[in-house]
Amino acid sequence: MRQLVEYIAKSLVDKPEDVQIREVEGEQSIILELHVAPEDMGRIIGKQGHIARAMRVLLKASAARQGKRAMLEIV
């Protein structure tokens, strides 16, 4: 799941070297914190949050296949 979010984020931003993902794993859930450069924040969120929402949907679908819940926080 981490690789999926990292791949999507690096494909969208101007500074892929600044993309960092921190993973906090619990018993039934996973929280991914996505850090990008401040000037790339708009590219990750997208107009009206469409890109961020799509990334969260993909992440939740991937987590459901493993029997877990996943959350994406864009910091």
C-alpha atoms as a PDB file:
ATOM      1  CA  MET A   1       0.000   0.000   0.000  1.00  0.00           C
ATOM      2  CA  ARG A   2       2.839   2.344   0.807  1.00  0.00           C
ATOM      3  CA  GLN A   3       4.373   1.740  -2.620  1.00  0.00           C
ATOM      4  CA  LEU A   4       1.069   2.517  -4.317  1.00  0.00           C
ATOM      5  CA  VAL A   5       0.681   5.903  -2.619  1.00  0.00           C
ATOM      6  CA  GLU A   6       4.359   6.714  -3.153  1.00  0.00           C
ATOM      7  CA  TYR A   7       4.159   5.900  -6.866  1.00  0.00           C
ATOM      8  CA  ILE A   8       1.058   8.045  -7.389  1.00  0.00           C
ATOM      9  CA  ALA A   9       2.440  10.957  -5.369  1.00  0.00           C
ATOM     10  CA  LYS A  10       5.816  10.970  -7.118  1.00  0.00           C
ATOM     11  CA  SER A  11       4.079  10.894 -10.493  1.00  0.00           C
ATOM     12  CA  LEU A  12       2.064  14.011  -9.661  1.00  0.00           C
ATOM     13  CA  VAL A  13       4.563  16.366  -8.035  1.00  0.00           C
ATOM     14  CA  ASP A  14       7.365  18.552  -9.409  1.00  0.00           C
ATOM     15  CA  LYS A  15       9.777  17.531  -6.639  1.00  0.00           C
ATOM     16  CA  PRO A  16       9.501  13.730  -6.257  1.00  0.00           C
ATOM     17  CA  GLU A  17      12.579  13.657  -4.021  1.00  0.00           C
ATOM     18  CA  ASP A  18      10.594  15.532  -1.336  1.00  0.00           C
ATOM     19  CA  VAL A  19       7.856  12.883  -1.142  1.00  0.00           C
ATOM     20  CA  GLN A  20       7.963  11.099   2.202  1.00  0.00           C
ATOM     21  CA  ILE A  21       5.520   8.570   3.590  1.00  0.00           C
ATOM     22  CA  ARG A  22       5.313   7.557   7.225  1.00  0.00           C
ATOM     23  CA  GLU A  23       3.388   4.408   8.006  1.00  0.00           C
ATOM     24  CA  VAL A  24       1.718   3.769  11.360  1.00  0.00           C
ATOM     25  CA  GLU A  25       0.367   0.262  11.542  1.00  0.00           C
ATOM     26  CA  GLY A  26      -2.109  -0.938  14.116  1.00  0.00           C
ATOM     27  CA  GLU A  27      -3.781  -4.270  14.620  1.00  0.00           C
ATOM     28  CA  GLN A  28      -6.653  -3.639  12.214  1.00  0.00           C
ATOM     29  CA  SER A  29      -5.687  -0.351  10.590  1.00  0.00           C
ATOM     30  CA  ILE A  30      -2.912   1.439   8.760  1.00  0.00           C
ATOM     31  CA  ILE A  31      -2.367   5.198   8.687  1.00  0.00           C
ATOM     32  CA  LEU A  32      -0.187   6.633   5.939  1.00  0.00           C
ATOM     33  CA  GLU A  33       1.069  10.189   6.372  1.00  0.00           C
ATOM     34  CA  LEU A  34       2.086  11.760   3.069  1.00  0.00           C
ATOM     35  CA  HIS A  35       4.537  14.664   3.204  1.00  0.00           C
ATOM     36  CA  VAL A  36       5.267  16.696   0.061  1.00  0.00           C
ATOM     37  CA  ALA A  37       6.911  20.034  -0.688  1.00  0.00           C
ATOM     38  CA  PRO A  38       4.608  22.982   0.134  1.00  0.00           C
ATOM     39  CA  GLU A  39       4.436  24.069  -3.509  1.00  0.00           C
ATOM     40  CA  ASP A  40       3.286  20.563  -4.537  1.00  0.00           C
ATOM     41  CA  MET A  41       0.446  20.398  -2.013  1.00  0.00           C
ATOM     42  CA  GLY A  42      -2.088  21.681  -4.535  1.00  0.00           C
ATOM     43  CA  ARG A  43      -1.120  19.015  -7.067  1.00  0.00           C
ATOM     44  CA  ILE A  44      -1.666  16.246  -4.515  1.00  0.00           C
ATOM     45  CA  ILE A  45      -5.003  17.572  -3.303  1.00  0.00           C
ATOM     46  CA  GLY A  46      -6.342  18.521  -6.728  1.00  0.00           C
ATOM     47  CA  LYS A  47      -9.310  20.680  -7.606  1.00  0.00           C
ATOM     48  CA  GLN A  48     -11.940  20.349  -4.895  1.00  0.00           C
ATOM     49  CA  GLY A  49      -9.954  17.430  -3.459  1.00  0.00           C
ATOM     50  CA  HIS A  50     -10.617  15.031  -6.319  1.00  0.00           C
ATOM     51  CA  ILE A  51      -7.087  13.623  -6.532  1.00  0.00           C
ATOM     52  CA  ALA A  52      -6.772  13.161  -2.764  1.00  0.00           C
ATOM     53  CA  ARG A  53     -10.170  11.468  -2.685  1.00  0.00           C
ATOM     54  CA  ALA A  54      -9.179   9.124  -5.529  1.00  0.00           C
ATOM     55  CA  MET A  55      -5.942   8.201  -3.752  1.00  0.00           C
ATOM     56  CA  ARG A  56      -7.898   7.412  -0.590  1.00  0.00           C
ATOM     57  CA  VAL A  57     -10.340   5.208  -2.521  1.00  0.00           C
ATOM     58  CA  LEU A  58      -7.475   3.222  -4.069  1.00  0.00           C
ATOM     59  CA  LEU A  59      -5.791   2.879  -0.698  1.00  0.00           C
ATOM     60  CA  LYS A  60      -8.970   1.660   0.985  1.00  0.00           C
ATOM     61  CA  ALA A  61      -9.574  -0.882  -1.774  1.00  0.00           C
ATOM     62  CA  SER A  62      -6.034  -2.178  -1.454  1.00  0.00           C
ATOM     63  CA  ALA A  63      -6.336  -2.425   2.334  1.00  0.00           C
ATOM     64  CA  ALA A  64      -9.696  -4.200   2.116  1.00  0.00           C
ATOM     65  CA  ARG A  65      -8.054  -6.973   0.120  1.00  0.00           C
ATOM     66  CA  GLN A  66      -5.756  -7.534   3.109  1.00  0.00           C
ATOM     67  CA  GLY A  67      -8.599  -7.343   5.610  1.00  0.00           C
ATOM     68  CA  LYS A  68      -7.489  -4.022   7.087  1.00  0.00           C
ATOM     69  CA  ARG A  69      -8.654  -0.407   7.152  1.00  0.00           C
ATOM     70  CA  ALA A  70      -6.440   2.333   5.778  1.00  0.00           C
ATOM     71  CA  MET A  71      -6.356   6.096   6.095  1.00  0.00           C
ATOM     72  CA  LEU A  72      -4.329   8.628   4.140  1.00  0.00           C
ATOM     73  CA  GLU A  73      -3.358  11.886   5.798  1.00  0.00           C
ATOM     74  CA  ILE A  74      -1.790  14.569   3.647  1.00  0.00           C
ATOM     75  CA  VAL A  75       0.474  16.679   5.831  1.00  0.00           C
END
